[in-house]
Protein backbone atom coordinates (compact mmCIF):
# COMPACT_ATOMS: atom_id res chain seq x y z
CA MET A 1 -3.42 -158.33 -18.11
CA ASN A 2 0.03 -158.39 -16.55
CA LEU A 3 -0.36 -157.74 -12.81
CA ALA A 4 3.37 -157.18 -12.39
CA THR A 5 3.18 -153.90 -14.36
CA TRP A 6 -0.08 -152.58 -12.97
CA ASP A 7 0.18 -150.93 -9.56
CA PRO A 8 -3.24 -149.73 -8.33
CA PHE A 9 -1.70 -147.83 -5.40
CA ARG A 10 0.60 -145.90 -7.75
CA GLU A 11 -2.39 -145.14 -9.95
CA MET A 12 -4.33 -143.78 -6.93
CA GLU A 13 -1.33 -141.66 -5.91
CA THR A 14 -1.22 -140.18 -9.40
CA ILE A 15 -4.94 -139.39 -9.32
CA PHE A 16 -4.67 -137.67 -5.91
CA ASP A 17 -1.55 -135.81 -7.07
CA ARG A 18 -3.43 -134.47 -10.07
CA ARG A 19 -6.43 -133.34 -8.01
CA ASN A 20 -4.28 -131.63 -5.40
CA LYS A 21 -2.27 -129.76 -8.05
CA GLN A 22 -5.44 -128.30 -9.52
CA SER A 23 -6.58 -126.87 -6.18
CA GLU A 24 -3.26 -125.41 -5.02
CA PRO A 25 -3.09 -121.61 -4.93
CA TRP A 26 -0.56 -120.03 -7.24
CA ALA A 27 1.15 -116.70 -7.59
CA PRO A 28 2.54 -115.39 -10.86
CA ALA A 29 6.27 -114.59 -11.02
CA VAL A 30 7.20 -110.91 -10.74
CA ASN A 31 10.22 -108.77 -11.66
CA ILE A 32 10.53 -105.27 -10.19
CA SER A 33 13.09 -102.80 -11.52
CA GLU A 34 13.83 -99.16 -10.75
CA ALA A 35 14.91 -96.25 -12.92
CA ASP A 36 15.43 -92.62 -11.96
CA ASP A 37 11.86 -91.68 -12.84
CA LYS A 38 9.84 -94.87 -12.27
CA PHE A 39 9.49 -98.43 -11.03
CA THR A 40 8.57 -101.13 -13.51
CA ILE A 41 6.73 -104.26 -12.45
CA ASP A 42 6.58 -107.17 -14.89
CA ILE A 43 4.15 -109.96 -13.99
CA GLU A 44 4.18 -113.25 -15.86
CA LEU A 45 0.57 -114.08 -16.74
CA ALA A 46 0.83 -116.52 -19.63
CA GLY A 47 -2.59 -118.01 -20.34
CA VAL A 48 -4.48 -115.30 -18.44
CA ASP A 49 -6.89 -113.09 -20.39
CA LYS A 50 -6.40 -109.42 -19.61
CA GLU A 51 -10.15 -109.16 -18.96
CA ASP A 52 -9.60 -111.52 -16.00
CA VAL A 53 -7.10 -109.17 -14.28
CA ASP A 54 -7.97 -106.36 -11.86
CA ILE A 55 -5.39 -103.76 -10.78
CA SER A 56 -6.09 -101.38 -7.90
CA VAL A 57 -4.33 -99.03 -5.48
CA LYS A 58 -5.70 -98.39 -2.02
CA ASP A 59 -3.93 -96.96 1.03
CA GLY A 60 -0.52 -97.24 -0.63
CA ILE A 61 -1.00 -100.91 -1.58
CA LEU A 62 -0.89 -101.95 -5.25
CA SER A 63 -2.92 -105.14 -5.79
CA ILE A 64 -3.11 -107.33 -8.86
CA LYS A 65 -5.91 -109.91 -8.75
CA GLY A 66 -7.04 -112.31 -11.40
CA GLU A 67 -7.80 -115.81 -12.48
CA LYS A 68 -6.17 -118.26 -14.85
CA LYS A 69 -8.95 -120.43 -16.18
CA MET A 70 -8.50 -123.94 -17.48
CA LYS A 71 -9.77 -123.93 -21.03
CA LYS A 72 -11.85 -127.00 -21.75
CA GLU A 73 -13.59 -127.74 -24.98
CA GLU A 74 -16.82 -129.70 -25.11
CA LYS A 75 -15.01 -132.60 -26.75
CA ASP A 76 -12.71 -132.72 -23.69
CA GLU A 77 -15.51 -134.11 -21.53
CA ASP A 78 -14.45 -137.66 -22.40
CA ASN A 79 -10.75 -136.94 -21.93
CA LYS A 80 -9.13 -137.72 -18.62
CA TYR A 81 -5.97 -135.84 -17.79
CA HIS A 82 -3.00 -137.96 -16.79
CA ARG A 83 -0.81 -135.05 -15.75
CA VAL A 84 -1.68 -131.44 -14.93
CA GLU A 85 1.37 -129.30 -14.20
CA ILE A 86 0.04 -125.92 -15.29
CA SER A 87 -1.35 -123.93 -12.37
CA TYR A 88 -4.89 -122.58 -12.60
CA GLY A 89 -7.16 -120.59 -10.35
CA GLU A 90 -7.31 -117.23 -8.67
CA PHE A 91 -4.23 -115.25 -7.68
CA VAL A 92 -3.41 -112.06 -5.78
CA ARG A 93 -0.12 -110.17 -5.66
CA SER A 94 0.14 -107.05 -3.48
CA PHE A 95 2.97 -104.56 -3.06
CA THR A 96 3.46 -101.65 -0.67
CA LEU A 97 4.28 -98.60 -2.75
CA PRO A 98 6.94 -96.11 -1.68
CA LYS A 99 5.53 -92.80 -0.51
CA ASP A 100 7.08 -90.87 -3.39
CA VAL A 101 5.19 -92.59 -6.25
CA GLU A 102 2.36 -90.99 -8.18
CA SER A 103 -0.19 -93.78 -7.83
CA ASP A 104 -2.79 -91.91 -9.90
CA LYS A 105 -0.42 -92.07 -12.90
CA ILE A 106 0.30 -95.82 -12.89
CA SER A 107 -0.07 -97.29 -16.38
CA ALA A 108 -0.51 -100.91 -17.45
CA SER A 109 0.07 -102.80 -20.68
CA TYR A 110 -0.22 -106.47 -21.59
CA ASP A 111 1.85 -108.18 -24.26
CA ALA A 112 2.85 -111.81 -24.90
CA GLY A 113 1.59 -112.98 -21.50
CA VAL A 114 3.42 -110.30 -19.49
CA LEU A 115 1.58 -107.55 -17.61
CA LYS A 116 3.79 -104.46 -17.36
CA LEU A 117 3.07 -101.74 -14.82
CA ASP A 118 4.92 -98.42 -14.92
CA VAL A 119 4.81 -96.71 -11.54
CA PRO A 120 6.10 -93.13 -11.89
CA LYS A 121 8.04 -91.52 -9.08
CA GLY A 122 7.04 -88.13 -7.75
CA GLU A 123 9.04 -85.63 -5.82
CA GLU A 124 10.08 -86.78 -2.41
CA GLN A 125 8.45 -85.05 0.48
CA LYS A 126 11.17 -82.95 2.05
CA PRO A 127 11.12 -82.05 5.71
CA LYS A 128 9.67 -78.63 6.19
CA GLN A 129 10.79 -76.26 8.88
CA ILE A 130 7.91 -74.38 10.41
CA SER A 131 8.69 -71.13 12.11
CA ILE A 132 6.80 -69.83 15.11
CA SER A 133 5.38 -66.37 14.67
C-alpha cells in the first residue's frame, strides 16, 4: 500500500460530505409565467412519483408538498456510494395567489418529470360604490 496516495483525512471529509448532502433540504426549481387568462407554474420534479406529491390551496396559499425517494434495490445493500449529488427527501413550495384567481379551477398535469399547474384568472373585484338611501 502506498501511503503517499492514501489520505485518511480526505477520505473522512468525503464520507461526511456525502452524509451531509443526503440530509440537506431541497426545493425543486419553479418557472411561473402569466397569460391573459391564467398563470402557469412549472415545477421540476424529475425522479418524483406523482403519487408522492400533494397540492393544496388554503387561505390564498398554493402549496406543493412531496418527497423524492432514493430508490435502492436489495442488491444495493453491499454497495457503498462514493458520491451522491442528487437531492432526496421532502420538499415544500408555497405561493401566495393573487386575489383574482379561481383557485377552485386549478388543474395539474405531470409529464416527463415536470408538474404543470394552470391557475385560471377570474374577474378582478372592482370597487363598488354604495349609495346611502
